[in-house]
Amino acid sequence: MAYTKKDEFTAQEIRLAEIGKALSHPARVAIMKLLAKRQACICGDIVDELPLSQSTVSQHLKELKSAGLIKGAIDGPRVCYCIDPKMWAEAKKIFGEFLQNGNTE
């Protein structure tokens, strides 16, 4: 039987799925790796490093920001992106528990 309503799942299960969805594209994984290495980047820096157009990078940044994995600070006419350490720690904890024993409660 397929579940269709989010209220039938725990908050942890929903969060795990949201984070998993945000990281489900190799470009977003590459962006996260780049942000982890550099601490912070503007969109143009990411475009220079990855084989993606500016609009594609912007869309991937939007997805990562929507999931709370990154945050953006306005720096003049640009936005400087970085990993949100609190949310990244949450993601590591949730995935660690899930991968360890399937427990996300």
PDB file of N, CA and C in Angstrom:
ATOM      1  N   MET A   1       0.839  -1.178   0.000  1.00  0.00           N
ATOM      2  CA  MET A   1       0.000   0.000   0.000  1.00  0.00           C
ATOM      3  C   MET A   1       0.887   1.246   0.000  1.00  0.00           C
ATOM      4  N   ALA A   2       0.678   2.136  -0.917  1.00  0.00           N
ATOM      5  CA  ALA A   2       1.478   3.355  -1.023  1.00  0.00           C
ATOM      6  C   ALA A   2       0.921   4.440  -0.110  1.00  0.00           C
ATOM      7  N   TYR A   3       1.824   5.156   0.562  1.00  0.00           N
ATOM      8  CA  TYR A   3       1.427   6.270   1.411  1.00  0.00           C
ATOM      9  C   TYR A   3       1.452   7.541   0.596  1.00  0.00           C
ATOM     10  N   THR A   4       0.466   8.383   0.820  1.00  0.00           N
ATOM     11  CA  THR A   4       0.413   9.628   0.068  1.00  0.00           C
ATOM     12  C   THR A   4       0.401  10.861   0.956  1.00  0.00           C
ATOM     13  N   LYS A   5       0.107  10.699   2.225  1.00  0.00           N
ATOM     14  CA  LYS A   5       0.024  11.857   3.103  1.00  0.00           C
ATOM     15  C   LYS A   5       1.258  11.946   3.993  1.00  0.00           C
ATOM     16  N   LYS A   6       1.812  13.145   4.058  1.00  0.00           N
ATOM     17  CA  LYS A   6       3.007  13.348   4.882  1.00  0.00           C
ATOM     18  C   LYS A   6       2.735  13.123   6.363  1.00  0.00           C
ATOM     19  N   ASP A   7       1.506  13.356   6.814  1.00  0.00           N
ATOM     20  CA  ASP A   7       1.227  13.191   8.240  1.00  0.00           C
ATOM     21  C   ASP A   7       1.238  11.734   8.687  1.00  0.00           C
ATOM     22  N   GLU A   8       1.408  10.817   7.761  1.00  0.00           N
ATOM     23  CA  GLU A   8       1.504   9.403   8.100  1.00  0.00           C
ATOM     24  C   GLU A   8       2.951   8.984   8.366  1.00  0.00           C
ATOM     25  N   PHE A   9       3.884   9.934   8.265  1.00  0.00           N
ATOM     26  CA  PHE A   9       5.294   9.663   8.476  1.00  0.00           C
ATOM     27  C   PHE A   9       5.809  10.504   9.638  1.00  0.00           C
ATOM     28  N   THR A  10       6.891  10.051  10.256  1.00  0.00           N
ATOM     29  CA  THR A  10       7.474  10.824  11.343  1.00  0.00           C
ATOM     30  C   THR A  10       8.181  12.058  10.784  1.00  0.00           C
ATOM     31  N   ALA A  11       8.404  13.022  11.644  1.00  0.00           N
ATOM     32  CA  ALA A  11       9.131  14.233  11.245  1.00  0.00           C
ATOM     33  C   ALA A  11      10.527  13.866  10.750  1.00  0.00           C
ATOM     34  N   GLN A  12      11.174  12.902  11.397  1.00  0.00           N
ATOM     35  CA  GLN A  12      12.517  12.476  10.987  1.00  0.00           C
ATOM     36  C   GLN A  12      12.495  11.830   9.604  1.00  0.00           C
ATOM     37  N   GLU A  13      11.479  11.023   9.321  1.00  0.00           N
ATOM     38  CA  GLU A  13      11.377  10.393   8.003  1.00  0.00           C
ATOM     39  C   GLU A  13      11.184  11.443   6.915  1.00  0.00           C
ATOM     40  N   ILE A  14      10.362  12.415   7.199  1.00  0.00           N
ATOM     41  CA  ILE A  14      10.125  13.494   6.234  1.00  0.00           C
ATOM     42  C   ILE A  14      11.400  14.301   6.011  1.00  0.00           C
ATOM     43  N   ARG A  15      12.101  14.624   7.085  1.00  0.00           N
ATOM     44  CA  ARG A  15      13.337  15.420   6.963  1.00  0.00           C
ATOM     45  C   ARG A  15      14.406  14.648   6.197  1.00  0.00           C
ATOM     46  N   LEU A  16      14.535  13.351   6.488  1.00  0.00           N
ATOM     47  CA  LEU A  16      15.490  12.506   5.768  1.00  0.00           C
ATOM     48  C   LEU A  16      15.189  12.521   4.270  1.00  0.00           C
ATOM     49  N   ALA A  17      13.923  12.428   3.914  1.00  0.00           N
ATOM     50  CA  ALA A  17      13.533  12.452   2.502  1.00  0.00           C
ATOM     51  C   ALA A  17      13.820  13.812   1.860  1.00  0.00           C
ATOM     52  N   GLU A  18      13.576  14.897   2.598  1.00  0.00           N
ATOM     53  CA  GLU A  18      13.848  16.237   2.065  1.00  0.00           C
ATOM     54  C   GLU A  18      15.337  16.425   1.795  1.00  0.00           C
ATOM     55  N   ILE A  19      16.152  16.014   2.736  1.00  0.00           N
ATOM     56  CA  ILE A  19      17.600  16.139   2.568  1.00  0.00           C
ATOM     57  C   ILE A  19      18.074  15.233   1.439  1.00  0.00           C
ATOM     58  N   GLY A  20      17.550  14.014   1.414  1.00  0.00           N
ATOM     59  CA  GLY A  20      17.912  13.076   0.350  1.00  0.00           C
ATOM     60  C   GLY A  20      17.557  13.622  -1.024  1.00  0.00           C
ATOM     61  N   LYS A  21      16.391  14.227  -1.129  1.00  0.00           N
ATOM     62  CA  LYS A  21      15.974  14.819  -2.406  1.00  0.00           C
ATOM     63  C   LYS A  21      16.911  15.958  -2.805  1.00  0.00           C
ATOM     64  N   ALA A  22      17.277  16.787  -1.825  1.00  0.00           N
ATOM     65  CA  ALA A  22      18.172  17.916  -2.124  1.00  0.00           C
ATOM     66  C   ALA A  22      19.534  17.436  -2.604  1.00  0.00           C
ATOM     67  N   LEU A  23      19.974  16.289  -2.123  1.00  0.00           N
ATOM     68  CA  LEU A  23      21.290  15.764  -2.502  1.00  0.00           C
ATOM     69  C   LEU A  23      21.207  14.717  -3.614  1.00  0.00           C
ATOM     70  N   SER A  24      20.052  14.591  -4.230  1.00  0.00           N
ATOM     71  CA  SER A  24      19.847  13.519  -5.208  1.00  0.00           C
ATOM     72  C   SER A  24      20.394  13.814  -6.600  1.00  0.00           C
ATOM     73  N   HIS A  25      20.957  14.968  -6.789  1.00  0.00           N
ATOM     74  CA  HIS A  25      21.520  15.309  -8.101  1.00  0.00           C
ATOM     75  C   HIS A  25      23.035  15.468  -7.965  1.00  0.00           C
ATOM     76  N   PRO A  26      23.806  14.889  -8.874  1.00  0.00           N
ATOM     77  CA  PRO A  26      25.269  14.994  -8.761  1.00  0.00           C
ATOM     78  C   PRO A  26      25.786  16.433  -8.773  1.00  0.00           C
ATOM     79  N   ALA A  27      25.092  17.341  -9.435  1.00  0.00           N
ATOM     80  CA  ALA A  27      25.529  18.740  -9.438  1.00  0.00           C
ATOM     81  C   ALA A  27      25.406  19.331  -8.035  1.00  0.00           C
ATOM     82  N   ARG A  28      24.357  18.972  -7.324  1.00  0.00           N
ATOM     83  CA  ARG A  28      24.185  19.497  -5.969  1.00  0.00           C
ATOM     84  C   ARG A  28      25.218  18.898  -5.023  1.00  0.00           C
ATOM     85  N   VAL A  29      25.557  17.647  -5.228  1.00  0.00           N
ATOM     86  CA  VAL A  29      26.623  17.024  -4.433  1.00  0.00           C
ATOM     87  C   VAL A  29      27.937  17.757  -4.705  1.00  0.00           C
ATOM     88  N   ALA A  30      28.213  18.042  -5.978  1.00  0.00           N
ATOM     89  CA  ALA A  30      29.444  18.762  -6.335  1.00  0.00           C
ATOM     90  C   ALA A  30      29.453  20.161  -5.735  1.00  0.00           C
ATOM     91  N   ILE A  31      28.314  20.827  -5.730  1.00  0.00           N
ATOM     92  CA  ILE A  31      28.227  22.162  -5.125  1.00  0.00           C
ATOM     93  C   ILE A  31      28.510  22.082  -3.629  1.00  0.00           C
ATOM     94  N   MET A  32      27.936  21.098  -2.963  1.00  0.00           N
ATOM     95  CA  MET A  32      28.175  20.939  -1.519  1.00  0.00           C
ATOM     96  C   MET A  32      29.650  20.668  -1.239  1.00  0.00           C
ATOM     97  N   LYS A  33      30.281  19.838  -2.060  1.00  0.00           N
ATOM     98  CA  LYS A  33      31.706  19.549  -1.888  1.00  0.00           C
ATOM     99  C   LYS A  33      32.533  20.820  -2.080  1.00  0.00           C
ATOM    100  N   LEU A  34      32.177  21.611  -3.079  1.00  0.00           N
ATOM    101  CA  LEU A  34      32.894  22.857  -3.339  1.00  0.00           C
ATOM    102  C   LEU A  34      32.718  23.838  -2.179  1.00  0.00           C
ATOM    103  N   LEU A  35      31.502  23.962  -1.674  1.00  0.00           N
ATOM    104  CA  LEU A  35      31.256  24.866  -0.548  1.00  0.00           C
ATOM    105  C   LEU A  35      31.990  24.391   0.704  1.00  0.00           C
ATOM    106  N   ALA A  36      32.066  23.098   0.902  1.00  0.00           N
ATOM    107  CA  ALA A  36      32.788  22.563   2.065  1.00  0.00           C
ATOM    108  C   ALA A  36      34.277  22.875   1.958  1.00  0.00           C
ATOM    109  N   LYS A  37      34.798  22.801   0.742  1.00  0.00           N
ATOM    110  CA  LYS A  37      36.222  23.058   0.517  1.00  0.00           C
ATOM    111  C   LYS A  37      36.561  24.544   0.653  1.00  0.00           C
ATOM    112  N   ARG A  38      35.713  25.388   0.121  1.00  0.00           N
ATOM    113  CA  ARG A  38      36.002  26.825   0.085  1.00  0.00           C
ATOM    114  C   ARG A  38      35.408  27.615   1.236  1.00  0.00           C
ATOM    115  N   GLN A  39      34.551  27.040   1.997  1.00  0.00           N
ATOM    116  CA  GLN A  39      33.840  27.695   3.099  1.00  0.00           C
ATOM    117  C   GLN A  39      32.693  28.582   2.608  1.00  0.00           C
ATOM    118  N   ALA A  40      32.876  29.309   1.516  1.00  0.00           N
ATOM    119  CA  ALA A  40      31.823  30.171   0.972  1.00  0.00           C
ATOM    120  C   ALA A  40      32.159  30.518  -0.471  1.00  0.00           C
ATOM    121  N   CYS A  41      31.117  30.698  -1.277  1.00  0.00           N
ATOM    122  CA  CYS A  41      31.297  31.045  -2.693  1.00  0.00           C
ATOM    123  C   CYS A  41      30.122  31.884  -3.172  1.00  0.00           C
ATOM    124  N   ILE A  42      30.387  32.691  -4.174  1.00  0.00           N
ATOM    125  CA  ILE A  42      29.290  33.320  -4.902  1.00  0.00           C
ATOM    126  C   ILE A  42      28.963  32.408  -6.083  1.00  0.00           C
ATOM    127  N   CYS A  43      27.809  32.601  -6.651  1.00  0.00           N
ATOM    128  CA  CYS A  43      27.349  31.745  -7.753  1.00  0.00           C
ATOM    129  C   CYS A  43      28.367  31.697  -8.892  1.00  0.00           C
ATOM    130  N   GLY A  44      28.946  32.833  -9.227  1.00  0.00           N
ATOM    131  CA  GLY A  44      29.925  32.890 -10.314  1.00  0.00           C
ATOM    132  C   GLY A  44      31.137  32.006 -10.078  1.00  0.00           C
ATOM    133  N   ASP A  45      31.576  31.923  -8.818  1.00  0.00           N
ATOM    134  CA  ASP A  45      32.706  31.042  -8.481  1.00  0.00           C
ATOM    135  C   ASP A  45      32.348  29.590  -8.756  1.00  0.00           C
ATOM    136  N   ILE A  46      31.112  29.217  -8.419  1.00  0.00           N
ATOM    137  CA  ILE A  46      30.656  27.837  -8.634  1.00  0.00           C
ATOM    138  C   ILE A  46      30.567  27.557 -10.127  1.00  0.00           C
ATOM    139  N   VAL A  47      30.041  28.516 -10.882  1.00  0.00           N
ATOM    140  CA  VAL A  47      29.943  28.363 -12.338  1.00  0.00           C
ATOM    141  C   VAL A  47      31.335  28.167 -12.944  1.00  0.00           C
ATOM    142  N   ASP A  48      32.329  28.881 -12.421  1.00  0.00           N
ATOM    143  CA  ASP A  48      33.699  28.752 -12.924  1.00  0.00           C
ATOM    144  C   ASP A  48      34.281  27.369 -12.654  1.00  0.00           C
ATOM    145  N   GLU A  49      33.837  26.717 -11.599  1.00  0.00           N
ATOM    146  CA  GLU A  49      34.384  25.416 -11.204  1.00  0.00           C
ATOM    147  C   GLU A  49      33.653  24.220 -11.806  1.00  0.00           C
ATOM    148  N   LEU A  50      32.377  24.374 -12.095  1.00  0.00           N
ATOM    149  CA  LEU A  50      31.572  23.246 -12.559  1.00  0.00           C
ATOM    150  C   LEU A  50      31.149  23.441 -14.011  1.00  0.00           C
ATOM    151  N   PRO A  51      30.913  22.354 -14.722  1.00  0.00           N
ATOM    152  CA  PRO A  51      30.511  22.459 -16.127  1.00  0.00           C
ATOM    153  C   PRO A  51      29.010  22.732 -16.268  1.00  0.00           C
ATOM    154  N   LEU A  52      28.559  23.801 -15.614  1.00  0.00           N
ATOM    155  CA  LEU A  52      27.139  24.136 -15.612  1.00  0.00           C
ATOM    156  C   LEU A  52      26.952  25.619 -15.902  1.00  0.00           C
ATOM    157  N   SER A  53      25.825  25.948 -16.482  1.00  0.00           N
ATOM    158  CA  SER A  53      25.522  27.352 -16.744  1.00  0.00           C
ATOM    159  C   SER A  53      25.130  28.053 -15.448  1.00  0.00           C
ATOM    160  N   GLN A  54      25.148  29.374 -15.483  1.00  0.00           N
ATOM    161  CA  GLN A  54      24.790  30.166 -14.311  1.00  0.00           C
ATOM    162  C   GLN A  54      23.357  29.877 -13.890  1.00  0.00           C
ATOM    163  N   SER A  55      22.439  29.768 -14.835  1.00  0.00           N
ATOM    164  CA  SER A  55      21.038  29.525 -14.476  1.00  0.00           C
ATOM    165  C   SER A  55      20.850  28.145 -13.847  1.00  0.00           C
ATOM    166  N   THR A  56      21.607  27.152 -14.322  1.00  0.00           N
ATOM    167  CA  THR A  56      21.526  25.806 -13.750  1.00  0.00           C
ATOM    168  C   THR A  56      22.081  25.793 -12.338  1.00  0.00           C
ATOM    169  N   VAL A  57      23.215  26.448 -12.124  1.00  0.00           N
ATOM    170  CA  VAL A  57      23.795  26.530 -10.783  1.00  0.00           C
ATOM    171  C   VAL A  57      22.815  27.241  -9.844  1.00  0.00           C
ATOM    172  N   SER A  58      22.220  28.312 -10.298  1.00  0.00           N
ATOM    173  CA  SER A  58      21.257  29.049  -9.478  1.00  0.00           C
ATOM    174  C   SER A  58      20.092  28.159  -9.062  1.00  0.00           C
ATOM    175  N   GLN A  59      19.603  27.351  -9.984  1.00  0.00           N
ATOM    176  CA  GLN A  59      18.492  26.448  -9.671  1.00  0.00           C
ATOM    177  C   GLN A  59      18.909  25.410  -8.623  1.00  0.00           C
ATOM    178  N   HIS A  60      20.109  24.864  -8.762  1.00  0.00           N
ATOM    179  CA  HIS A  60      20.592  23.888  -7.781  1.00  0.00           C
ATOM    180  C   HIS A  60      20.817  24.543  -6.419  1.00  0.00           C
ATOM    181  N   LEU A  61      21.335  25.768  -6.404  1.00  0.00           N
ATOM    182  CA  LEU A  61      21.505  26.492  -5.145  1.00  0.00           C
ATOM    183  C   LEU A  61      20.156  26.720  -4.473  1.00  0.00           C
ATOM    184  N   LYS A  62      19.160  27.024  -5.260  1.00  0.00           N
ATOM    185  CA  LYS A  62      17.805  27.230  -4.732  1.00  0.00           C
ATOM    186  C   LYS A  62      17.303  25.965  -4.044  1.00  0.00           C
ATOM    187  N   GLU A  63      17.520  24.803  -4.657  1.00  0.00           N
ATOM    188  CA  GLU A  63      17.091  23.534  -4.068  1.00  0.00           C
ATOM    189  C   GLU A  63      17.818  23.251  -2.752  1.00  0.00           C
ATOM    190  N   LEU A  64      19.118  23.479  -2.745  1.00  0.00           N
ATOM    191  CA  LEU A  64      19.904  23.244  -1.526  1.00  0.00           C
ATOM    192  C   LEU A  64      19.500  24.213  -0.415  1.00  0.00           C
ATOM    193  N   LYS A  65      19.226  25.446  -0.787  1.00  0.00           N
ATOM    194  CA  LYS A  65      18.813  26.444   0.200  1.00  0.00           C
ATOM    195  C   LYS A  65      17.420  26.115   0.723  1.00  0.00           C
ATOM    196  N   SER A  66      16.547  25.665  -0.148  1.00  0.00           N
ATOM    197  CA  SER A  66      15.191  25.281   0.245  1.00  0.00           C
ATOM    198  C   SER A  66      15.205  24.158   1.282  1.00  0.00           C
ATOM    199  N   ALA A  67      16.142  23.241   1.132  1.00  0.00           N
ATOM    200  CA  ALA A  67      16.272  22.132   2.078  1.00  0.00           C
ATOM    201  C   ALA A  67      16.982  22.561   3.355  1.00  0.00           C
ATOM    202  N   GLY A  68      17.515  23.776   3.373  1.00  0.00           N
ATOM    203  CA  GLY A  68      18.192  24.292   4.553  1.00  0.00           C
ATOM    204  C   GLY A  68      19.647  23.891   4.663  1.00  0.00           C
ATOM    205  N   LEU A  69      20.178  23.225   3.653  1.00  0.00           N
ATOM    206  CA  LEU A  69      21.565  22.759   3.728  1.00  0.00           C
ATOM    207  C   LEU A  69      22.573  23.883   3.540  1.00  0.00           C
ATOM    208  N   ILE A  70      22.172  24.914   2.810  1.00  0.00           N
ATOM    209  CA  ILE A  70      23.053  26.066   2.617  1.00  0.00           C
ATOM    210  C   ILE A  70      22.294  27.329   2.965  1.00  0.00           C
ATOM    211  N   LYS A  71      23.051  28.395   3.164  1.00  0.00           N
ATOM    212  CA  LYS A  71      22.438  29.697   3.376  1.00  0.00           C
ATOM    213  C   LYS A  71      23.168  30.701   2.503  1.00  0.00           C
ATOM    214  N   GLY A  72      22.494  31.779   2.210  1.00  0.00           N
ATOM    215  CA  GLY A  72      23.083  32.804   1.371  1.00  0.00           C
ATOM    216  C   GLY A  72      23.029  34.152   2.052  1.00  0.00           C
ATOM    217  N   ALA A  73      24.134  34.868   2.011  1.00  0.00           N
ATOM    218  CA  ALA A  73      24.214  36.210   2.583  1.00  0.00           C
ATOM    219  C   ALA A  73      24.431  37.196   1.452  1.00  0.00           C
ATOM    220  N   ILE A  74      23.654  38.248   1.455  1.00  0.00           N
ATOM    221  CA  ILE A  74      23.782  39.267   0.413  1.00  0.00           C
ATOM    222  C   ILE A  74      25.074  40.037   0.638  1.00  0.00           C
ATOM    223  N   ASP A  75      25.878  40.111  -0.428  1.00  0.00           N
ATOM    224  CA  ASP A  75      27.159  40.815  -0.397  1.00  0.00           C
ATOM    225  C   ASP A  75      27.160  41.785  -1.574  1.00  0.00           C
ATOM    226  N   GLY A  76      26.586  42.960  -1.348  1.00  0.00           N
ATOM    227  CA  GLY A  76      26.430  43.918  -2.444  1.00  0.00           C
ATOM    228  C   GLY A  76      25.434  43.371  -3.447  1.00  0.00           C
ATOM    229  N   PRO A  77      25.810  43.333  -4.722  1.00  0.00           N
ATOM    230  CA  PRO A  77      24.889  42.824  -5.736  1.00  0.00           C
ATOM    231  C   PRO A  77      24.906  41.297  -5.845  1.00  0.00           C
ATOM    232  N   ARG A  78      25.738  40.638  -5.037  1.00  0.00           N
ATOM    233  CA  ARG A  78      25.891  39.186  -5.123  1.00  0.00           C
ATOM    234  C   ARG A  78      25.386  38.509  -3.859  1.00  0.00           C
ATOM    235  N   VAL A  79      25.180  37.197  -3.967  1.00  0.00           N
ATOM    236  CA  VAL A  79      24.841  36.394  -2.801  1.00  0.00           C
ATOM    237  C   VAL A  79      25.993  35.425  -2.573  1.00  0.00           C
ATOM    238  N   CYS A  80      26.484  35.402  -1.358  1.00  0.00           N
ATOM    239  CA  CYS A  80      27.571  34.512  -0.986  1.00  0.00           C
ATOM    240  C   CYS A  80      26.957  33.305  -0.263  1.00  0.00           C
ATOM    241  N   TYR A  81      27.206  32.109  -0.792  1.00  0.00           N
ATOM    242  CA  TYR A  81      26.611  30.885  -0.248  1.00  0.00           C
ATOM    243  C   TYR A  81      27.618  30.121   0.592  1.00  0.00           C
ATOM    244  N   CYS A  82      27.096  29.488   1.646  1.00  0.00           N
ATOM    245  CA  CYS A  82      27.925  28.626   2.485  1.00  0.00           C
ATOM    246  C   CYS A  82      27.037  27.522   3.060  1.00  0.00           C
ATOM    247  N   ILE A  83      27.670  26.462   3.514  1.00  0.00           N
ATOM    248  CA  ILE A  83      26.942  25.385   4.156  1.00  0.00           C
ATOM    249  C   ILE A  83      26.449  25.885   5.509  1.00  0.00           C
ATOM    250  N   ASP A  84      25.206  25.567   5.832  1.00  0.00           N
ATOM    251  CA  ASP A  84      24.672  25.904   7.149  1.00  0.00           C
ATOM    252  C   ASP A  84      25.145  24.818   8.112  1.00  0.00           C
ATOM    253  N   PRO A  85      26.084  25.134   9.004  1.00  0.00           N
ATOM    254  CA  PRO A  85      26.679  24.095   9.850  1.00  0.00           C
ATOM    255  C   PRO A  85      25.666  23.377  10.744  1.00  0.00           C
ATOM    256  N   LYS A  86      24.693  24.092  11.245  1.00  0.00           N
ATOM    257  CA  LYS A  86      23.678  23.466  12.104  1.00  0.00           C
ATOM    258  C   LYS A  86      22.855  22.449  11.307  1.00  0.00           C
ATOM    259  N   MET A  87      22.428  22.834  10.125  1.00  0.00           N
ATOM    260  CA  MET A  87      21.613  21.939   9.315  1.00  0.00           C
ATOM    261  C   MET A  87      22.440  20.773   8.773  1.00  0.00           C
ATOM    262  N   TRP A  88      23.709  21.020   8.471  1.00  0.00           N
ATOM    263  CA  TRP A  88      24.580  19.953   7.986  1.00  0.00           C
ATOM    264  C   TRP A  88      24.794  18.919   9.088  1.00  0.00           C
ATOM    265  N   ALA A  89      24.948  19.393  10.326  1.00  0.00           N
ATOM    266  CA  ALA A  89      25.089  18.482  11.463  1.00  0.00           C
ATOM    267  C   ALA A  89      23.816  17.654  11.637  1.00  0.00           C
ATOM    268  N   GLU A  90      22.673  18.297  11.454  1.00  0.00           N
ATOM    269  CA  GLU A  90      21.397  17.573  11.531  1.00  0.00           C
ATOM    270  C   GLU A  90      21.326  16.502  10.440  1.00  0.00           C
ATOM    271  N   ALA A  91      21.722  16.863   9.226  1.00  0.00           N
ATOM    272  CA  ALA A  91      21.690  15.908   8.108  1.00  0.00           C
ATOM    273  C   ALA A  91      22.600  14.716   8.397  1.00  0.00           C
ATOM    274  N   LYS A  92      23.803  14.987   8.906  1.00  0.00           N
ATOM    275  CA  LYS A  92      24.734  13.905   9.232  1.00  0.00           C
ATOM    276  C   LYS A  92      24.151  12.995  10.303  1.00  0.00           C
ATOM    277  N   LYS A  93      23.515  13.577  11.298  1.00  0.00           N
ATOM    278  CA  LYS A  93      22.921  12.797  12.384  1.00  0.00           C
ATOM    279  C   LYS A  93      21.786  11.923  11.855  1.00  0.00           C
ATOM    280  N   ILE A  94      20.878  12.518  11.098  1.00  0.00           N
ATOM    281  CA  ILE A  94      19.720  11.782  10.581  1.00  0.00           C
ATOM    282  C   ILE A  94      20.169  10.658   9.651  1.00  0.00           C
ATOM    283  N   PHE A  95      21.082  10.964   8.725  1.00  0.00           N
ATOM    284  CA  PHE A  95      21.553   9.930   7.804  1.00  0.00           C
ATOM    285  C   PHE A  95      22.368   8.872   8.533  1.00  0.00           C
ATOM    286  N   GLY A  96      23.172   9.305   9.493  1.00  0.00           N
ATOM    287  CA  GLY A  96      23.967   8.347  10.267  1.00  0.00           C
ATOM    288  C   GLY A  96      23.086   7.350  10.986  1.00  0.00           C
ATOM    289  N   GLU A  97      22.045   7.837  11.653  1.00  0.00           N
ATOM    290  CA  GLU A  97      21.122   6.948  12.362  1.00  0.00           C
ATOM    291  C   GLU A  97      20.414   6.017  11.392  1.00  0.00           C
ATOM    292  N   PHE A  98      19.981   6.562  10.280  1.00  0.00           N
ATOM    293  CA  PHE A  98      19.287   5.764   9.277  1.00  0.00           C
ATOM    294  C   PHE A  98      20.194   4.666   8.706  1.00  0.00           C
ATOM    295  N   LEU A  99      21.401   5.043   8.351  1.00  0.00           N
ATOM    296  CA  LEU A  99      22.328   4.064   7.770  1.00  0.00           C
ATOM    297  C   LEU A  99      22.843   3.067   8.798  1.00  0.00           C
ATOM    298  N   GLN A 100      22.899   3.492  10.043  1.00  0.00           N
ATOM    299  CA  GLN A 100      23.377   2.610  11.102  1.00  0.00           C
ATOM    300  C   GLN A 100      22.390   1.488  11.367  1.00  0.00           C
ATOM    301  N   ASN A 101      21.132   1.844  11.502  1.00  0.00           N
ATOM    302  CA  ASN A 101      20.170   0.807  11.866  1.00  0.00           C
ATOM    303  C   ASN A 101      18.755   1.042  11.344  1.00  0.00           C
ATOM    304  N   GLY A 102      18.584   2.012  10.469  1.00  0.00           N
ATOM    305  CA  GLY A 102      17.260   2.275   9.918  1.00  0.00           C
ATOM    306  C   GLY A 102      16.363   3.049  10.858  1.00  0.00           C
ATOM    307  N   ASN A 103      16.880   3.448  12.025  1.00  0.00           N
ATOM    308  CA  ASN A 103      16.079   4.160  13.008  1.00  0.00           C
ATOM    309  C   ASN A 103      16.171   5.657  12.764  1.00  0.00           C
ATOM    310  N   THR A 104      15.046   6.290  12.504  1.00  0.00           N
ATOM    311  CA  THR A 104      15.023   7.743  12.311  1.00  0.00           C
ATOM    312  C   THR A 104      14.065   8.377  13.290  1.00  0.00           C
ATOM    313  N   GLU A 105      13.909   7.800  14.444  1.00  0.00           N
ATOM    314  CA  GLU A 105      12.984   8.388  15.437  1.00  0.00           C
ATOM    315  C   GLU A 105      13.730   9.005  16.576  1.00  0.00           C
TER     316      GLU A 105
END
